[in-house]
Amino acid sequence: MTYRIFLHGLDSSSQGTKGRYFKEKFPGMLVPDFSGSLSARMEKLNDIISEKTDIKLVGSSFGGLMASIFTLENSSRVASLTLLAPAININEFNDYRGLSTEVSTTVYHGTEDSIIPIDPVYEQAQKCFKNLTFHRVEDDHMLHKTFKIIDWYELLNG
């Protein structure tokens, strides 16, 4: 059985635009709420998917940081990774910079992102994700123009 899970950003929740979209379009997809420090969020994530395999992770911003860390630590359990403007350029990712994975990874990042700059994320993604598809899109951090035109059915069912 494939498990799909969406990890929201730092100041978002399961009730944000992306969380609501996934709940509506992909019934059964896990869309939990996270709060607190990175370690508290990672502990909750590990509890939620503790013994699951064939996981399709989608992470947005800080949730992209979480999804990246989980994948780098548990590559054999992750079927695919989709990152939306992932915060893999921040200090919390420093301990993972030397790790890499062969998990199929797709990144969408806006060229107009004023919160998470695209170039450091691209450079880091190339080092960590050996099976990487990186989409530079004309959009902002929230990916307002891009999010709903992404082929989510292909990414999450393919």
C-alpha atoms as a PDB file:
ATOM      1  CA  MET A   1       0.000   0.000   0.000  1.00  0.00           C
ATOM      2  CA  THR A   2       1.251   3.452  -0.917  1.00  0.00           C
ATOM      3  CA  TYR A   3       1.110   6.155   1.743  1.00  0.00           C
ATOM      4  CA  ARG A   4       0.836   9.781   0.686  1.00  0.00           C
ATOM      5  CA  ILE A   5       1.594  12.567   3.132  1.00  0.00           C
ATOM      6  CA  PHE A   6       1.724  16.363   2.846  1.00  0.00           C
ATOM      7  CA  LEU A   7       3.972  18.378   5.166  1.00  0.00           C
ATOM      8  CA  HIS A   8       2.959  22.034   5.425  1.00  0.00           C
ATOM      9  CA  GLY A   9       5.211  25.036   5.962  1.00  0.00           C
ATOM     10  CA  LEU A  10       6.365  26.659   9.191  1.00  0.00           C
ATOM     11  CA  ASP A  11       3.463  29.067   9.674  1.00  0.00           C
ATOM     12  CA  SER A  12       0.844  27.038   7.834  1.00  0.00           C
ATOM     13  CA  SER A  13      -1.395  24.124   8.814  1.00  0.00           C
ATOM     14  CA  SER A  14      -3.481  21.321   7.367  1.00  0.00           C
ATOM     15  CA  GLN A  15      -6.130  23.987   6.749  1.00  0.00           C
ATOM     16  CA  GLY A  16      -3.931  26.015   4.373  1.00  0.00           C
ATOM     17  CA  THR A  17      -4.606  26.143   0.641  1.00  0.00           C
ATOM     18  CA  LYS A  18      -2.350  23.193  -0.162  1.00  0.00           C
ATOM     19  CA  GLY A  19      -3.572  21.073   2.753  1.00  0.00           C
ATOM     20  CA  ARG A  20      -7.206  21.614   1.778  1.00  0.00           C
ATOM     21  CA  TYR A  21      -6.399  20.821  -1.861  1.00  0.00           C
ATOM     22  CA  PHE A  22      -4.793  17.485  -0.990  1.00  0.00           C
ATOM     23  CA  LYS A  23      -7.620  16.521   1.381  1.00  0.00           C
ATOM     24  CA  GLU A  24     -10.171  17.216  -1.361  1.00  0.00           C
ATOM     25  CA  LYS A  25      -8.357  15.725  -4.358  1.00  0.00           C
ATOM     26  CA  PHE A  26      -6.615  12.801  -2.619  1.00  0.00           C
ATOM     27  CA  PRO A  27      -8.908  11.349   0.056  1.00  0.00           C
ATOM     28  CA  GLY A  28      -6.845   9.215   2.371  1.00  0.00           C
ATOM     29  CA  MET A  29      -3.738  11.360   1.971  1.00  0.00           C
ATOM     30  CA  LEU A  30      -2.269  12.169   5.361  1.00  0.00           C
ATOM     31  CA  VAL A  31      -2.328  15.929   6.001  1.00  0.00           C
ATOM     32  CA  PRO A  32      -1.304  16.343   9.642  1.00  0.00           C
ATOM     33  CA  ASP A  33      -0.656  19.544  11.565  1.00  0.00           C
ATOM     34  CA  PHE A  34       2.827  20.277  12.867  1.00  0.00           C
ATOM     35  CA  SER A  35       4.021  22.870  15.366  1.00  0.00           C
ATOM     36  CA  GLY A  36       7.037  23.582  17.505  1.00  0.00           C
ATOM     37  CA  SER A  37      10.699  23.028  16.792  1.00  0.00           C
ATOM     38  CA  LEU A  38      12.105  21.026  13.907  1.00  0.00           C
ATOM     39  CA  SER A  39      12.916  18.153  16.271  1.00  0.00           C
ATOM     40  CA  ALA A  40       9.353  18.135  17.655  1.00  0.00           C
ATOM     41  CA  ARG A  41       7.938  18.155  14.135  1.00  0.00           C
ATOM     42  CA  MET A  42      10.269  15.351  13.023  1.00  0.00           C
ATOM     43  CA  GLU A  43       9.342  13.281  16.065  1.00  0.00           C
ATOM     44  CA  LYS A  44       5.650  13.639  15.210  1.00  0.00           C
ATOM     45  CA  LEU A  45       6.314  12.784  11.558  1.00  0.00           C
ATOM     46  CA  ASN A  46       8.256   9.680  12.560  1.00  0.00           C
ATOM     47  CA  ASP A  47       5.389   8.631  14.856  1.00  0.00           C
ATOM     48  CA  ILE A  48       2.815   9.092  12.061  1.00  0.00           C
ATOM     49  CA  ILE A  49       4.694   7.019   9.484  1.00  0.00           C
ATOM     50  CA  SER A  50       6.767   4.914  11.853  1.00  0.00           C
ATOM     51  CA  GLU A  51       6.524   1.520  10.160  1.00  0.00           C
ATOM     52  CA  LYS A  52       5.179   2.522   6.775  1.00  0.00           C
ATOM     53  CA  THR A  53       6.993   2.002   3.490  1.00  0.00           C
ATOM     54  CA  ASP A  54       6.222   3.039  -0.099  1.00  0.00           C
ATOM     55  CA  ILE A  55       5.748   6.620   1.103  1.00  0.00           C
ATOM     56  CA  LYS A  56       5.123   9.485  -1.322  1.00  0.00           C
ATOM     57  CA  LEU A  57       6.140  12.659   0.484  1.00  0.00           C
ATOM     58  CA  VAL A  58       5.133  16.192  -0.484  1.00  0.00           C
ATOM     59  CA  GLY A  59       6.724  19.002   1.507  1.00  0.00           C
ATOM     60  CA  SER A  60       6.218  22.741   1.237  1.00  0.00           C
ATOM     61  CA  SER A  61       8.864  25.190   2.498  1.00  0.00           C
ATOM     62  CA  PHE A  62       9.685  24.083   6.096  1.00  0.00           C
ATOM     63  CA  GLY A  63       7.696  20.920   5.331  1.00  0.00           C
ATOM     64  CA  GLY A  64      10.096  20.459   2.401  1.00  0.00           C
ATOM     65  CA  LEU A  65      12.964  20.610   4.868  1.00  0.00           C
ATOM     66  CA  MET A  66      11.226  17.939   6.973  1.00  0.00           C
ATOM     67  CA  ALA A  67      10.488  15.754   3.928  1.00  0.00           C
ATOM     68  CA  SER A  68      14.110  16.065   2.760  1.00  0.00           C
ATOM     69  CA  ILE A  69      15.494  15.077   6.151  1.00  0.00           C
ATOM     70  CA  PHE A  70      13.092  12.139   6.459  1.00  0.00           C
ATOM     71  CA  THR A  71      14.022  10.930   2.971  1.00  0.00           C
ATOM     72  CA  LEU A  72      17.762  11.252   3.540  1.00  0.00           C
ATOM     73  CA  GLU A  73      17.424   9.247   6.771  1.00  0.00           C
ATOM     74  CA  ASN A  74      14.925   6.676   5.412  1.00  0.00           C
ATOM     75  CA  SER A  75      15.513   6.398   1.648  1.00  0.00           C
ATOM     76  CA  SER A  76      14.472   2.758   1.459  1.00  0.00           C
ATOM     77  CA  ARG A  77      11.001   3.629   2.766  1.00  0.00           C
ATOM     78  CA  VAL A  78      10.327   6.572   0.425  1.00  0.00           C
ATOM     79  CA  ALA A  79       8.900   5.970  -3.055  1.00  0.00           C
ATOM     80  CA  SER A  80       9.029   9.594  -4.188  1.00  0.00           C
ATOM     81  CA  LEU A  81       9.670  13.084  -2.897  1.00  0.00           C
ATOM     82  CA  THR A  82       8.044  16.284  -4.142  1.00  0.00           C
ATOM     83  CA  LEU A  83       9.316  19.560  -2.736  1.00  0.00           C
ATOM     84  CA  LEU A  84       7.718  22.984  -3.055  1.00  0.00           C
ATOM     85  CA  ALA A  85      10.200  25.805  -2.379  1.00  0.00           C
ATOM     86  CA  PRO A  86      11.959  23.619   0.217  1.00  0.00           C
ATOM     87  CA  ALA A  87      13.858  25.319   3.039  1.00  0.00           C
ATOM     88  CA  ILE A  88      16.984  23.215   2.520  1.00  0.00           C
ATOM     89  CA  ASN A  89      19.146  26.341   2.505  1.00  0.00           C
ATOM     90  CA  ILE A  90      18.733  27.063   6.240  1.00  0.00           C
ATOM     91  CA  ASN A  91      21.033  26.111   9.132  1.00  0.00           C
ATOM     92  CA  GLU A  92      18.726  23.320  10.321  1.00  0.00           C
ATOM     93  CA  PHE A  93      19.771  21.375   7.192  1.00  0.00           C
ATOM     94  CA  ASN A  94      23.522  21.650   7.850  1.00  0.00           C
ATOM     95  CA  ASP A  95      23.839  18.158   9.371  1.00  0.00           C
ATOM     96  CA  TYR A  96      22.338  16.606   6.211  1.00  0.00           C
ATOM     97  CA  ARG A  97      24.361  18.436   3.548  1.00  0.00           C
ATOM     98  CA  GLY A  98      26.787  15.532   3.037  1.00  0.00           C
ATOM     99  CA  LEU A  99      24.059  12.914   2.566  1.00  0.00           C
ATOM    100  CA  SER A 100      22.432  11.912  -0.708  1.00  0.00           C
ATOM    101  CA  THR A 101      19.637   9.699  -1.974  1.00  0.00           C
ATOM    102  CA  GLU A 102      18.540   8.041  -5.213  1.00  0.00           C
ATOM    103  CA  VAL A 103      14.822   8.598  -4.407  1.00  0.00           C
ATOM    104  CA  SER A 104      12.999  10.210  -7.328  1.00  0.00           C
ATOM    105  CA  THR A 105      12.770  13.878  -6.317  1.00  0.00           C
ATOM    106  CA  THR A 106      10.806  16.660  -7.997  1.00  0.00           C
ATOM    107  CA  VAL A 107      11.246  20.276  -6.932  1.00  0.00           C
ATOM    108  CA  TYR A 108       9.132  23.294  -7.873  1.00  0.00           C
ATOM    109  CA  HIS A 109      10.646  26.610  -6.872  1.00  0.00           C
ATOM    110  CA  GLY A 110       9.632  30.131  -7.835  1.00  0.00           C
ATOM    111  CA  THR A 111      12.140  32.501  -9.382  1.00  0.00           C
ATOM    112  CA  GLU A 112      10.362  35.332  -7.541  1.00  0.00           C
ATOM    113  CA  ASP A 113      10.575  33.642  -4.127  1.00  0.00           C
ATOM    114  CA  SER A 114      11.573  36.325  -1.612  1.00  0.00           C
ATOM    115  CA  ILE A 115      11.551  33.928   1.383  1.00  0.00           C
ATOM    116  CA  ILE A 116      13.652  30.960   0.242  1.00  0.00           C
ATOM    117  CA  PRO A 117      16.101  31.974  -2.514  1.00  0.00           C
ATOM    118  CA  ILE A 118      16.108  29.584  -5.436  1.00  0.00           C
ATOM    119  CA  ASP A 119      19.836  29.369  -6.268  1.00  0.00           C
ATOM    120  CA  PRO A 120      21.096  27.974  -2.920  1.00  0.00           C
ATOM    121  CA  VAL A 121      18.212  25.478  -2.939  1.00  0.00           C
ATOM    122  CA  TYR A 122      19.071  24.368  -6.465  1.00  0.00           C
ATOM    123  CA  GLU A 123      22.738  23.908  -5.578  1.00  0.00           C
ATOM    124  CA  GLN A 124      21.885  21.894  -2.458  1.00  0.00           C
ATOM    125  CA  ALA A 125      19.228  19.823  -4.239  1.00  0.00           C
ATOM    126  CA  GLN A 126      21.738  18.804  -6.919  1.00  0.00           C
ATOM    127  CA  LYS A 127      24.081  17.498  -4.211  1.00  0.00           C
ATOM    128  CA  CYS A 128      21.487  15.609  -2.136  1.00  0.00           C
ATOM    129  CA  PHE A 129      19.046  14.264  -4.704  1.00  0.00           C
ATOM    130  CA  LYS A 130      20.708  12.125  -7.361  1.00  0.00           C
ATOM    131  CA  ASN A 131      17.444  11.489  -9.240  1.00  0.00           C
ATOM    132  CA  LEU A 132      16.333  15.146  -9.405  1.00  0.00           C
ATOM    133  CA  THR A 133      13.892  17.041 -11.596  1.00  0.00           C
ATOM    134  CA  PHE A 134      14.072  20.738 -10.721  1.00  0.00           C
ATOM    135  CA  HIS A 135      11.434  23.130 -12.089  1.00  0.00           C
ATOM    136  CA  ARG A 136      12.259  26.854 -12.019  1.00  0.00           C
ATOM    137  CA  VAL A 137       8.877  28.527 -12.335  1.00  0.00           C
ATOM    138  CA  GLU A 138       7.917  32.182 -12.588  1.00  0.00           C
ATOM    139  CA  ASP A 139       6.161  32.320  -9.256  1.00  0.00           C
ATOM    140  CA  ASP A 140       6.438  33.391  -5.614  1.00  0.00           C
ATOM    141  CA  HIS A 141       7.209  31.373  -2.487  1.00  0.00           C
ATOM    142  CA  MET A 142       3.627  30.138  -2.128  1.00  0.00           C
ATOM    143  CA  LEU A 143       3.639  28.989  -5.770  1.00  0.00           C
ATOM    144  CA  HIS A 144       0.240  30.624  -6.253  1.00  0.00           C
ATOM    145  CA  LYS A 145       0.339  30.350 -10.066  1.00  0.00           C
ATOM    146  CA  THR A 146       1.994  26.942 -10.246  1.00  0.00           C
ATOM    147  CA  PHE A 147       0.530  24.754  -7.496  1.00  0.00           C
ATOM    148  CA  LYS A 148      -2.794  23.853  -9.097  1.00  0.00           C
ATOM    149  CA  ILE A 149      -1.325  23.215 -12.556  1.00  0.00           C
ATOM    150  CA  ILE A 150       1.206  20.673 -11.282  1.00  0.00           C
ATOM    151  CA  ASP A 151       0.240  17.160 -12.410  1.00  0.00           C
ATOM    152  CA  TRP A 152      -0.410  15.903  -8.899  1.00  0.00           C
ATOM    153  CA  TYR A 153      -2.107  12.750 -10.154  1.00  0.00           C
ATOM    154  CA  GLU A 154       1.040  11.714 -11.994  1.00  0.00           C
ATOM    155  CA  LEU A 155       3.320  12.614  -9.057  1.00  0.00           C
ATOM    156  CA  LEU A 156       1.186  10.885  -6.435  1.00  0.00           C
ATOM    157  CA  ASN A 157      -0.208   7.957  -8.399  1.00  0.00           C
ATOM    158  CA  GLY A 158       2.521   7.307 -10.996  1.00  0.00           C
END
